[in-house]
Amino acid sequence: MNEYSPNLAVIKKVRKETHDTNTYTLEFSDKKLQKSFSPAPGQFMMLSLFGIGESAISLSGTSNNGSVTTTIRNVGSVTNAVLRLKEGDFIGMRGPYGNGWPLERAEGKNVLIVVGGMGIVPLRGVVNYIKNNRKKFGDLEIIYGARTPDDMLFRYEFEKWKQIKNTRLDLTVDELPIETTSKCKIGLVTSCFPSMKTHHKNAIVLVCGPEIMMRYAAKCLETIGFKDQQIYLSLERRMKCGIGKCGHCQIGLKYVCKDGPVFNYADIKPFIHPL
């Protein structure tokens, strides 16, 4: 089997998230493949449009019947073309690839999720997993930052997240329009740290967002007692093959597509730019 050959998937549903971001529900045309497809939260897929190109895309959810959801923002030629697709259209899809979030290690611990912008996409699956397996985890705290309230994804799920037992959701934005009714705070995600409830003892932290945000968040978490081994980051690089062959996503001695995209901060810290 050709590792680079995509499988056809059909778009079953399109949901508009923001002015430049949609969420797609996808199903493989091959029903046998559909039944055996079970990606873990934090893994990614390679999506392709014939004649245009291929791009690495995070998964934002899965279902029991094998369908997946992926949330895509218009940032380039491939994603621009994807956002023009409609329900019933076909797309190429291969994967899943990479290592997901350390959910087994998180069992029995309090979970702190720190996300910025599109970083919420690969962590949405973690929130739903904890919701469906609530007794396995301690308290859940989510700190989510975006440019404005209108740029936030999955806003229709925020109330459901708040209703998860022992869960706290803190929202912050860079700017708050005067006419908005949103109750978001103003500031960076790190500005929420002084008021967060999660203590560094018996906790694990999952961080995803712009790399500069992740570096500062990890640094701030260190200053309040969290150890590097407690912190996990999801990195994003220009992934081409998805299987560690082409070298485009290499960072230090690591390949983001194969060794990540989720890394323990202790392992990746030497390879990301220091503050």
C-alpha atoms as a PDB file:
ATOM      1  CA  MET A   1       0.000   0.000   0.000  1.00  0.00           C
ATOM      2  CA  ASN A   2       1.325   3.429  -0.946  1.00  0.00           C
ATOM      3  CA  GLU A   3       1.795   5.419   2.269  1.00  0.00           C
ATOM      4  CA  TYR A   4       1.276   8.679   0.381  1.00  0.00           C
ATOM      5  CA  SER A   5      -1.959   7.656  -1.322  1.00  0.00           C
ATOM      6  CA  PRO A   6      -5.042   9.342   0.179  1.00  0.00           C
ATOM      7  CA  ASN A   7      -8.431   7.725   0.629  1.00  0.00           C
ATOM      8  CA  LEU A   8     -11.559   9.432  -0.584  1.00  0.00           C
ATOM      9  CA  ALA A   9     -13.785  10.957   2.087  1.00  0.00           C
ATOM     10  CA  VAL A  10     -17.125  12.680   1.659  1.00  0.00           C
ATOM     11  CA  ILE A  11     -18.131  15.879   3.440  1.00  0.00           C
ATOM     12  CA  LYS A  12     -21.291  15.037   5.374  1.00  0.00           C
ATOM     13  CA  LYS A  13     -21.781  18.366   7.134  1.00  0.00           C
ATOM     14  CA  VAL A  14     -20.365  21.902   7.077  1.00  0.00           C
ATOM     15  CA  ARG A  15     -20.708  24.241  10.047  1.00  0.00           C
ATOM     16  CA  LYS A  16     -19.565  27.856   9.901  1.00  0.00           C
ATOM     17  CA  GLU A  17     -17.540  28.831  12.979  1.00  0.00           C
ATOM     18  CA  THR A  18     -16.268  32.321  12.101  1.00  0.00           C
ATOM     19  CA  HIS A  19     -15.948  34.475   8.982  1.00  0.00           C
ATOM     20  CA  ASP A  20     -12.923  32.425   7.820  1.00  0.00           C
ATOM     21  CA  THR A  21     -13.273  29.087   9.644  1.00  0.00           C
ATOM     22  CA  ASN A  22     -15.545  26.069   9.100  1.00  0.00           C
ATOM     23  CA  THR A  23     -15.963  22.717  10.813  1.00  0.00           C
ATOM     24  CA  TYR A  24     -16.378  19.697   8.520  1.00  0.00           C
ATOM     25  CA  THR A  25     -17.773  16.261   9.320  1.00  0.00           C
ATOM     26  CA  LEU A  26     -16.020  13.698   7.122  1.00  0.00           C
ATOM     27  CA  GLU A  27     -16.597  10.019   6.390  1.00  0.00           C
ATOM     28  CA  PHE A  28     -14.450   7.635   4.346  1.00  0.00           C
ATOM     29  CA  SER A  29     -16.081   6.284   1.203  1.00  0.00           C
ATOM     30  CA  ASP A  30     -14.567   2.884   2.054  1.00  0.00           C
ATOM     31  CA  LYS A  31     -16.927   1.502   4.709  1.00  0.00           C
ATOM     32  CA  LYS A  32     -14.378  -1.035   6.000  1.00  0.00           C
ATOM     33  CA  LEU A  33     -11.880   1.741   6.555  1.00  0.00           C
ATOM     34  CA  GLN A  34     -14.613   3.836   8.130  1.00  0.00           C
ATOM     35  CA  LYS A  35     -15.383   1.169  10.750  1.00  0.00           C
ATOM     36  CA  SER A  36     -11.733   0.689  11.755  1.00  0.00           C
ATOM     37  CA  PHE A  37     -10.878   4.403  11.876  1.00  0.00           C
ATOM     38  CA  SER A  38     -10.215   5.499  15.475  1.00  0.00           C
ATOM     39  CA  PRO A  39      -7.848   8.491  15.804  1.00  0.00           C
ATOM     40  CA  ALA A  40      -6.827   9.757  19.235  1.00  0.00           C
ATOM     41  CA  PRO A  41      -7.286  13.374  20.383  1.00  0.00           C
ATOM     42  CA  GLY A  42      -4.242  15.365  19.286  1.00  0.00           C
ATOM     43  CA  GLN A  43      -3.426  13.350  16.165  1.00  0.00           C
ATOM     44  CA  PHE A  44      -3.686  14.931  12.719  1.00  0.00           C
ATOM     45  CA  MET A  45      -4.696  14.041   9.175  1.00  0.00           C
ATOM     46  CA  MET A  46      -3.297  14.937   5.786  1.00  0.00           C
ATOM     47  CA  LEU A  47      -6.107  16.402   3.692  1.00  0.00           C
ATOM     48  CA  SER A  48      -5.722  16.830  -0.056  1.00  0.00           C
ATOM     49  CA  LEU A  49      -7.528  18.296  -3.021  1.00  0.00           C
ATOM     50  CA  PHE A  50      -6.442  16.877  -6.337  1.00  0.00           C
ATOM     51  CA  GLY A  51      -4.691  19.456  -8.461  1.00  0.00           C
ATOM     52  CA  ILE A  52      -4.283  21.890  -5.582  1.00  0.00           C
ATOM     53  CA  GLY A  53      -2.231  20.291  -2.813  1.00  0.00           C
ATOM     54  CA  GLU A  54      -2.151  18.664   0.594  1.00  0.00           C
ATOM     55  CA  SER A  55      -2.124  20.074   4.116  1.00  0.00           C
ATOM     56  CA  ALA A  56      -1.825  18.768   7.683  1.00  0.00           C
ATOM     57  CA  ILE A  57      -5.057  19.363   9.588  1.00  0.00           C
ATOM     58  CA  SER A  58      -5.865  18.765  13.258  1.00  0.00           C
ATOM     59  CA  LEU A  59      -8.941  16.754  14.183  1.00  0.00           C
ATOM     60  CA  SER A  60     -11.537  18.460  16.355  1.00  0.00           C
ATOM     61  CA  GLY A  61     -13.654  15.408  17.131  1.00  0.00           C
ATOM     62  CA  THR A  62     -14.604  11.807  16.415  1.00  0.00           C
ATOM     63  CA  SER A  63     -17.773   9.727  16.601  1.00  0.00           C
ATOM     64  CA  ASN A  64     -18.636   6.101  17.263  1.00  0.00           C
ATOM     65  CA  ASN A  65     -19.422   5.461  13.591  1.00  0.00           C
ATOM     66  CA  GLY A  66     -15.918   6.463  12.460  1.00  0.00           C
ATOM     67  CA  SER A  67     -16.720   9.926  11.163  1.00  0.00           C
ATOM     68  CA  VAL A  68     -14.420  12.768  12.189  1.00  0.00           C
ATOM     69  CA  THR A  69     -14.665  16.516  12.401  1.00  0.00           C
ATOM     70  CA  THR A  70     -11.909  18.879  11.408  1.00  0.00           C
ATOM     71  CA  THR A  71     -11.969  22.635  11.844  1.00  0.00           C
ATOM     72  CA  ILE A  72     -10.192  24.596   9.105  1.00  0.00           C
ATOM     73  CA  ARG A  73      -9.222  28.254   8.849  1.00  0.00           C
ATOM     74  CA  ASN A  74      -8.471  29.915   5.528  1.00  0.00           C
ATOM     75  CA  VAL A  75      -4.710  30.485   5.646  1.00  0.00           C
ATOM     76  CA  GLY A  76      -3.435  29.249   2.264  1.00  0.00           C
ATOM     77  CA  SER A  77      -4.217  27.768  -1.135  1.00  0.00           C
ATOM     78  CA  VAL A  78      -5.349  24.351   0.138  1.00  0.00           C
ATOM     79  CA  THR A  79      -7.478  25.647   3.003  1.00  0.00           C
ATOM     80  CA  ASN A  80      -8.929  28.357   0.766  1.00  0.00           C
ATOM     81  CA  ALA A  81     -10.067  25.666  -1.651  1.00  0.00           C
ATOM     82  CA  VAL A  82     -11.443  23.486   1.161  1.00  0.00           C
ATOM     83  CA  LEU A  83     -13.582  26.355   2.450  1.00  0.00           C
ATOM     84  CA  ARG A  84     -15.280  26.519  -0.944  1.00  0.00           C
ATOM     85  CA  LEU A  85     -16.422  22.883  -0.716  1.00  0.00           C
ATOM     86  CA  LYS A  86     -19.992  21.896   0.137  1.00  0.00           C
ATOM     87  CA  GLU A  87     -21.769  18.923   1.662  1.00  0.00           C
ATOM     88  CA  GLY A  88     -21.483  15.939  -0.664  1.00  0.00           C
ATOM     89  CA  ASP A  89     -18.126  16.991  -2.105  1.00  0.00           C
ATOM     90  CA  PHE A  90     -15.127  14.673  -1.858  1.00  0.00           C
ATOM     91  CA  ILE A  91     -11.712  15.254  -0.360  1.00  0.00           C
ATOM     92  CA  GLY A  92      -8.567  13.127  -0.011  1.00  0.00           C
ATOM     93  CA  MET A  93      -7.634  12.031   3.486  1.00  0.00           C
ATOM     94  CA  ARG A  94      -4.845   9.891   4.943  1.00  0.00           C
ATOM     95  CA  GLY A  95      -3.769   9.206   8.491  1.00  0.00           C
ATOM     96  CA  PRO A  96      -4.156   9.553  11.412  1.00  0.00           C
ATOM     97  CA  TYR A  97      -0.567  10.478  12.170  1.00  0.00           C
ATOM     98  CA  GLY A  98       1.540  11.489  15.133  1.00  0.00           C
ATOM     99  CA  ASN A  99       1.186  11.155  18.870  1.00  0.00           C
ATOM    100  CA  GLY A 100      -1.882  12.506  20.633  1.00  0.00           C
ATOM    101  CA  TRP A 101      -2.429  13.959  24.092  1.00  0.00           C
ATOM    102  CA  PRO A 102      -1.295  11.806  27.076  1.00  0.00           C
ATOM    103  CA  LEU A 103      -4.786  10.916  28.290  1.00  0.00           C
ATOM    104  CA  GLU A 104      -3.680   7.758  30.093  1.00  0.00           C
ATOM    105  CA  ARG A 105      -1.073   9.672  32.053  1.00  0.00           C
ATOM    106  CA  ALA A 106      -3.681  12.314  32.895  1.00  0.00           C
ATOM    107  CA  GLU A 107      -5.991   9.801  34.573  1.00  0.00           C
ATOM    108  CA  GLY A 108      -6.385  10.494  38.275  1.00  0.00           C
ATOM    109  CA  LYS A 109      -4.984  14.015  37.873  1.00  0.00           C
ATOM    110  CA  ASN A 110      -6.429  17.493  37.577  1.00  0.00           C
ATOM    111  CA  VAL A 111      -6.244  18.714  33.970  1.00  0.00           C
ATOM    112  CA  LEU A 112      -5.419  22.296  33.001  1.00  0.00           C
ATOM    113  CA  ILE A 113      -5.978  23.215  29.340  1.00  0.00           C
ATOM    114  CA  VAL A 114      -4.384  26.450  28.098  1.00  0.00           C
ATOM    115  CA  VAL A 115      -5.213  27.371  24.503  1.00  0.00           C
ATOM    116  CA  GLY A 116      -4.965  30.320  22.156  1.00  0.00           C
ATOM    117  CA  GLY A 117      -6.771  30.831  18.842  1.00  0.00           C
ATOM    118  CA  MET A 118      -6.934  27.710  16.672  1.00  0.00           C
ATOM    119  CA  GLY A 119      -5.214  25.776  19.474  1.00  0.00           C
ATOM    120  CA  ILE A 120      -8.651  24.825  20.759  1.00  0.00           C
ATOM    121  CA  VAL A 121      -9.165  22.532  17.749  1.00  0.00           C
ATOM    122  CA  PRO A 122      -6.959  19.557  18.769  1.00  0.00           C
ATOM    123  CA  LEU A 123      -8.040  19.972  22.425  1.00  0.00           C
ATOM    124  CA  ARG A 124     -11.780  19.872  21.813  1.00  0.00           C
ATOM    125  CA  GLY A 125     -11.508  16.093  21.639  1.00  0.00           C
ATOM    126  CA  VAL A 126      -9.799  16.036  25.046  1.00  0.00           C
ATOM    127  CA  VAL A 127     -12.652  18.011  26.627  1.00  0.00           C
ATOM    128  CA  ASN A 128     -15.204  15.593  25.167  1.00  0.00           C
ATOM    129  CA  TYR A 129     -13.128  12.572  26.212  1.00  0.00           C
ATOM    130  CA  ILE A 130     -12.959  13.790  29.801  1.00  0.00           C
ATOM    131  CA  LYS A 131     -16.697  14.521  29.712  1.00  0.00           C
ATOM    132  CA  ASN A 132     -17.413  10.949  28.572  1.00  0.00           C
ATOM    133  CA  ASN A 133     -14.976   9.426  31.087  1.00  0.00           C
ATOM    134  CA  ARG A 134     -15.468  11.881  33.932  1.00  0.00           C
ATOM    135  CA  LYS A 135     -14.676   9.515  36.817  1.00  0.00           C
ATOM    136  CA  LYS A 136     -11.162   8.881  35.498  1.00  0.00           C
ATOM    137  CA  PHE A 137     -10.016  12.482  35.918  1.00  0.00           C
ATOM    138  CA  GLY A 138      -9.841  15.147  38.591  1.00  0.00           C
ATOM    139  CA  ASP A 139     -10.881  18.759  38.107  1.00  0.00           C
ATOM    140  CA  LEU A 140     -10.860  20.234  34.594  1.00  0.00           C
ATOM    141  CA  GLU A 141      -9.935  23.870  33.972  1.00  0.00           C
ATOM    142  CA  ILE A 142      -9.915  25.469  30.513  1.00  0.00           C
ATOM    143  CA  ILE A 143      -8.304  28.838  29.763  1.00  0.00           C
ATOM    144  CA  TYR A 144      -9.070  29.921  26.207  1.00  0.00           C
ATOM    145  CA  GLY A 145      -7.834  33.105  24.577  1.00  0.00           C
ATOM    146  CA  ALA A 146      -8.597  34.611  21.165  1.00  0.00           C
ATOM    147  CA  ARG A 147      -8.283  37.952  19.395  1.00  0.00           C
ATOM    148  CA  THR A 148     -11.968  38.868  19.837  1.00  0.00           C
ATOM    149  CA  PRO A 149     -15.102  36.997  21.041  1.00  0.00           C
ATOM    150  CA  ASP A 150     -16.174  36.544  17.396  1.00  0.00           C
ATOM    151  CA  ASP A 151     -12.904  34.716  16.675  1.00  0.00           C
ATOM    152  CA  MET A 152     -13.582  32.062  19.309  1.00  0.00           C
ATOM    153  CA  LEU A 153     -14.422  28.583  18.033  1.00  0.00           C
ATOM    154  CA  PHE A 154     -17.088  26.206  19.380  1.00  0.00           C
ATOM    155  CA  ARG A 155     -18.889  29.005  21.244  1.00  0.00           C
ATOM    156  CA  TYR A 156     -22.094  26.932  21.046  1.00  0.00           C
ATOM    157  CA  GLU A 157     -20.419  24.348  23.318  1.00  0.00           C
ATOM    158  CA  PHE A 158     -19.170  26.655  26.089  1.00  0.00           C
ATOM    159  CA  GLU A 159     -22.268  26.236  28.270  1.00  0.00           C
ATOM    160  CA  LYS A 160     -22.058  22.445  27.886  1.00  0.00           C
ATOM    161  CA  TRP A 161     -18.419  22.543  28.947  1.00  0.00           C
ATOM    162  CA  LYS A 162     -19.296  24.589  32.027  1.00  0.00           C
ATOM    163  CA  GLN A 163     -21.876  21.969  32.963  1.00  0.00           C
ATOM    164  CA  ILE A 164     -19.283  19.180  33.056  1.00  0.00           C
ATOM    165  CA  LYS A 165     -18.808  18.238  36.694  1.00  0.00           C
ATOM    166  CA  ASN A 166     -15.900  20.039  38.415  1.00  0.00           C
ATOM    167  CA  THR A 167     -15.085  22.079  35.305  1.00  0.00           C
ATOM    168  CA  ARG A 168     -14.130  25.740  35.042  1.00  0.00           C
ATOM    169  CA  LEU A 169     -13.951  27.752  31.795  1.00  0.00           C
ATOM    170  CA  ASP A 170     -12.081  31.069  31.653  1.00  0.00           C
ATOM    171  CA  LEU A 171     -12.278  33.136  28.442  1.00  0.00           C
ATOM    172  CA  THR A 172     -10.011  36.038  27.514  1.00  0.00           C
ATOM    173  CA  VAL A 173      -9.557  38.194  24.404  1.00  0.00           C
ATOM    174  CA  ASP A 174      -7.083  40.742  23.081  1.00  0.00           C
ATOM    175  CA  GLU A 175      -9.818  43.275  22.448  1.00  0.00           C
ATOM    176  CA  LEU A 176     -13.470  43.550  23.436  1.00  0.00           C
ATOM    177  CA  PRO A 177     -15.734  45.502  21.033  1.00  0.00           C
ATOM    178  CA  ILE A 178     -17.853  48.125  22.759  1.00  0.00           C
ATOM    179  CA  GLU A 179     -21.121  46.736  21.398  1.00  0.00           C
ATOM    180  CA  THR A 180     -20.476  43.144  22.524  1.00  0.00           C
ATOM    181  CA  THR A 181     -22.378  41.410  25.314  1.00  0.00           C
ATOM    182  CA  SER A 182     -19.565  38.915  25.875  1.00  0.00           C
ATOM    183  CA  LYS A 183     -18.239  38.503  29.406  1.00  0.00           C
ATOM    184  CA  CYS A 184     -14.701  37.645  28.296  1.00  0.00           C
ATOM    185  CA  LYS A 185     -11.756  39.099  30.153  1.00  0.00           C
ATOM    186  CA  ILE A 186      -9.235  41.274  28.321  1.00  0.00           C
ATOM    187  CA  GLY A 187      -5.640  40.086  28.264  1.00  0.00           C
ATOM    188  CA  LEU A 188      -3.345  37.217  27.370  1.00  0.00           C
ATOM    189  CA  VAL A 189      -4.037  33.687  28.574  1.00  0.00           C
ATOM    190  CA  THR A 190      -1.250  34.111  31.116  1.00  0.00           C
ATOM    191  CA  SER A 191      -3.204  36.969  32.712  1.00  0.00           C
ATOM    192  CA  CYS A 192      -5.680  34.311  33.883  1.00  0.00           C
ATOM    193  CA  PHE A 193      -3.042  32.335  35.776  1.00  0.00           C
ATOM    194  CA  PRO A 194      -3.268  34.332  39.039  1.00  0.00           C
ATOM    195  CA  SER A 195      -6.976  33.446  39.348  1.00  0.00           C
ATOM    196  CA  MET A 196      -6.858  29.850  38.115  1.00  0.00           C
ATOM    197  CA  LYS A 197      -7.788  27.085  40.534  1.00  0.00           C
ATOM    198  CA  THR A 198      -5.489  24.302  39.288  1.00  0.00           C
ATOM    199  CA  HIS A 199      -2.551  23.704  41.640  1.00  0.00           C
ATOM    200  CA  HIS A 200       0.697  22.241  40.391  1.00  0.00           C
ATOM    201  CA  LYS A 201       0.370  19.228  42.695  1.00  0.00           C
ATOM    202  CA  ASN A 202      -1.224  16.215  40.987  1.00  0.00           C
ATOM    203  CA  ALA A 203      -1.928  18.086  37.751  1.00  0.00           C
ATOM    204  CA  ILE A 204      -1.109  17.884  34.069  1.00  0.00           C
ATOM    205  CA  VAL A 205      -1.167  20.807  31.634  1.00  0.00           C
ATOM    206  CA  LEU A 206      -2.070  20.653  27.933  1.00  0.00           C
ATOM    207  CA  VAL A 207      -1.075  23.727  25.913  1.00  0.00           C
ATOM    208  CA  CYS A 208      -1.748  24.588  22.268  1.00  0.00           C
ATOM    209  CA  GLY A 209      -1.711  27.833  20.305  1.00  0.00           C
ATOM    210  CA  PRO A 210       0.759  30.197  18.667  1.00  0.00           C
ATOM    211  CA  GLU A 211       4.284  29.123  19.591  1.00  0.00           C
ATOM    212  CA  ILE A 212       5.173  32.405  21.287  1.00  0.00           C
ATOM    213  CA  MET A 213       2.088  32.030  23.472  1.00  0.00           C
ATOM    214  CA  MET A 214       3.029  28.461  24.392  1.00  0.00           C
ATOM    215  CA  ARG A 215       6.580  29.417  25.316  1.00  0.00           C
ATOM    216  CA  TYR A 216       5.427  32.235  27.589  1.00  0.00           C
ATOM    217  CA  ALA A 217       2.685  30.086  29.096  1.00  0.00           C
ATOM    218  CA  ALA A 218       5.153  27.292  29.886  1.00  0.00           C
ATOM    219  CA  LYS A 219       7.586  29.797  31.387  1.00  0.00           C
ATOM    220  CA  CYS A 220       4.866  31.309  33.592  1.00  0.00           C
ATOM    221  CA  LEU A 221       3.698  27.866  34.679  1.00  0.00           C
ATOM    222  CA  GLU A 222       7.246  27.054  35.741  1.00  0.00           C
ATOM    223  CA  THR A 223       7.388  30.149  37.932  1.00  0.00           C
ATOM    224  CA  ILE A 224       4.307  29.038  39.878  1.00  0.00           C
ATOM    225  CA  GLY A 225       5.540  25.529  40.578  1.00  0.00           C
ATOM    226  CA  PHE A 226       4.705  23.372  37.577  1.00  0.00           C
ATOM    227  CA  LYS A 227       7.491  21.030  36.443  1.00  0.00           C
ATOM    228  CA  ASP A 228       8.492  20.641  32.803  1.00  0.00           C
ATOM    229  CA  GLN A 229       7.374  17.008  32.927  1.00  0.00           C
ATOM    230  CA  GLN A 230       3.810  18.104  33.767  1.00  0.00           C
ATOM    231  CA  ILE A 231       3.451  20.283  30.669  1.00  0.00           C
ATOM    232  CA  TYR A 232       2.598  19.084  27.154  1.00  0.00           C
ATOM    233  CA  LEU A 233       2.675  21.222  24.016  1.00  0.00           C
ATOM    234  CA  SER A 234       1.316  20.601  20.532  1.00  0.00           C
ATOM    235  CA  LEU A 235       3.698  22.032  17.959  1.00  0.00           C
ATOM    236  CA  GLU A 236       2.910  23.030  14.405  1.00  0.00           C
ATOM    237  CA  ARG A 237       5.440  22.900  11.603  1.00  0.00           C
ATOM    238  CA  ARG A 238       5.294  22.702   7.800  1.00  0.00           C
ATOM    239  CA  MET A 239       4.461  19.007   7.526  1.00  0.00           C
ATOM    240  CA  LYS A 240       4.592  17.562   4.019  1.00  0.00           C
ATOM    241  CA  CYS A 241       4.719  13.763   4.190  1.00  0.00           C
ATOM    242  CA  GLY A 242       3.253  13.187   7.663  1.00  0.00           C
ATOM    243  CA  ILE A 243       5.411  10.113   8.282  1.00  0.00           C
ATOM    244  CA  GLY A 244       8.896  11.462   9.045  1.00  0.00           C
ATOM    245  CA  LYS A 245      10.430  10.999   5.578  1.00  0.00           C
ATOM    246  CA  CYS A 246      10.789  14.446   4.026  1.00  0.00           C
ATOM    247  CA  GLY A 247      12.337  16.392   6.924  1.00  0.00           C
ATOM    248  CA  HIS A 248      10.272  19.552   6.423  1.00  0.00           C
ATOM    249  CA  CYS A 249       8.996  19.507  10.009  1.00  0.00           C
ATOM    250  CA  GLN A 250      12.298  18.686  11.711  1.00  0.00           C
ATOM    251  CA  ILE A 251      13.003  20.658  14.874  1.00  0.00           C
ATOM    252  CA  GLY A 252      16.316  19.831  16.490  1.00  0.00           C
ATOM    253  CA  LEU A 253      16.481  16.041  16.556  1.00  0.00           C
ATOM    254  CA  LYS A 254      12.727  15.609  16.387  1.00  0.00           C
ATOM    255  CA  TYR A 255      10.192  15.264  13.580  1.00  0.00           C
ATOM    256  CA  VAL A 256       6.963  17.004  14.532  1.00  0.00           C
ATOM    257  CA  CYS A 257       4.844  14.715  12.364  1.00  0.00           C
ATOM    258  CA  LYS A 258       6.283  11.487  13.763  1.00  0.00           C
ATOM    259  CA  ASP A 259       7.599  12.283  17.256  1.00  0.00           C
ATOM    260  CA  GLY A 260       4.806  14.815  17.921  1.00  0.00           C
ATOM    261  CA  PRO A 261       2.847  16.899  17.316  1.00  0.00           C
ATOM    262  CA  VAL A 262       2.303  16.546  21.078  1.00  0.00           C
ATOM    263  CA  PHE A 263       5.548  16.759  23.037  1.00  0.00           C
ATOM    264  CA  ASN A 264       6.406  16.777  26.697  1.00  0.00           C
ATOM    265  CA  TYR A 265       7.880  20.194  27.431  1.00  0.00           C
ATOM    266  CA  ALA A 266      10.926  18.600  29.071  1.00  0.00           C
ATOM    267  CA  ASP A 267      11.770  16.830  25.792  1.00  0.00           C
ATOM    268  CA  ILE A 268      11.204  19.730  23.396  1.00  0.00           C
ATOM    269  CA  LYS A 269      12.386  22.648  25.524  1.00  0.00           C
ATOM    270  CA  PRO A 270      16.002  22.544  24.224  1.00  0.00           C
ATOM    271  CA  PHE A 271      14.815  22.776  20.604  1.00  0.00           C
ATOM    272  CA  ILE A 272      12.417  25.721  20.711  1.00  0.00           C
ATOM    273  CA  HIS A 273      13.698  29.262  20.735  1.00  0.00           C
ATOM    274  CA  PRO A 274      14.525  30.440  24.256  1.00  0.00           C
ATOM    275  CA  LEU A 275      12.777  33.469  25.715  1.00  0.00           C
END
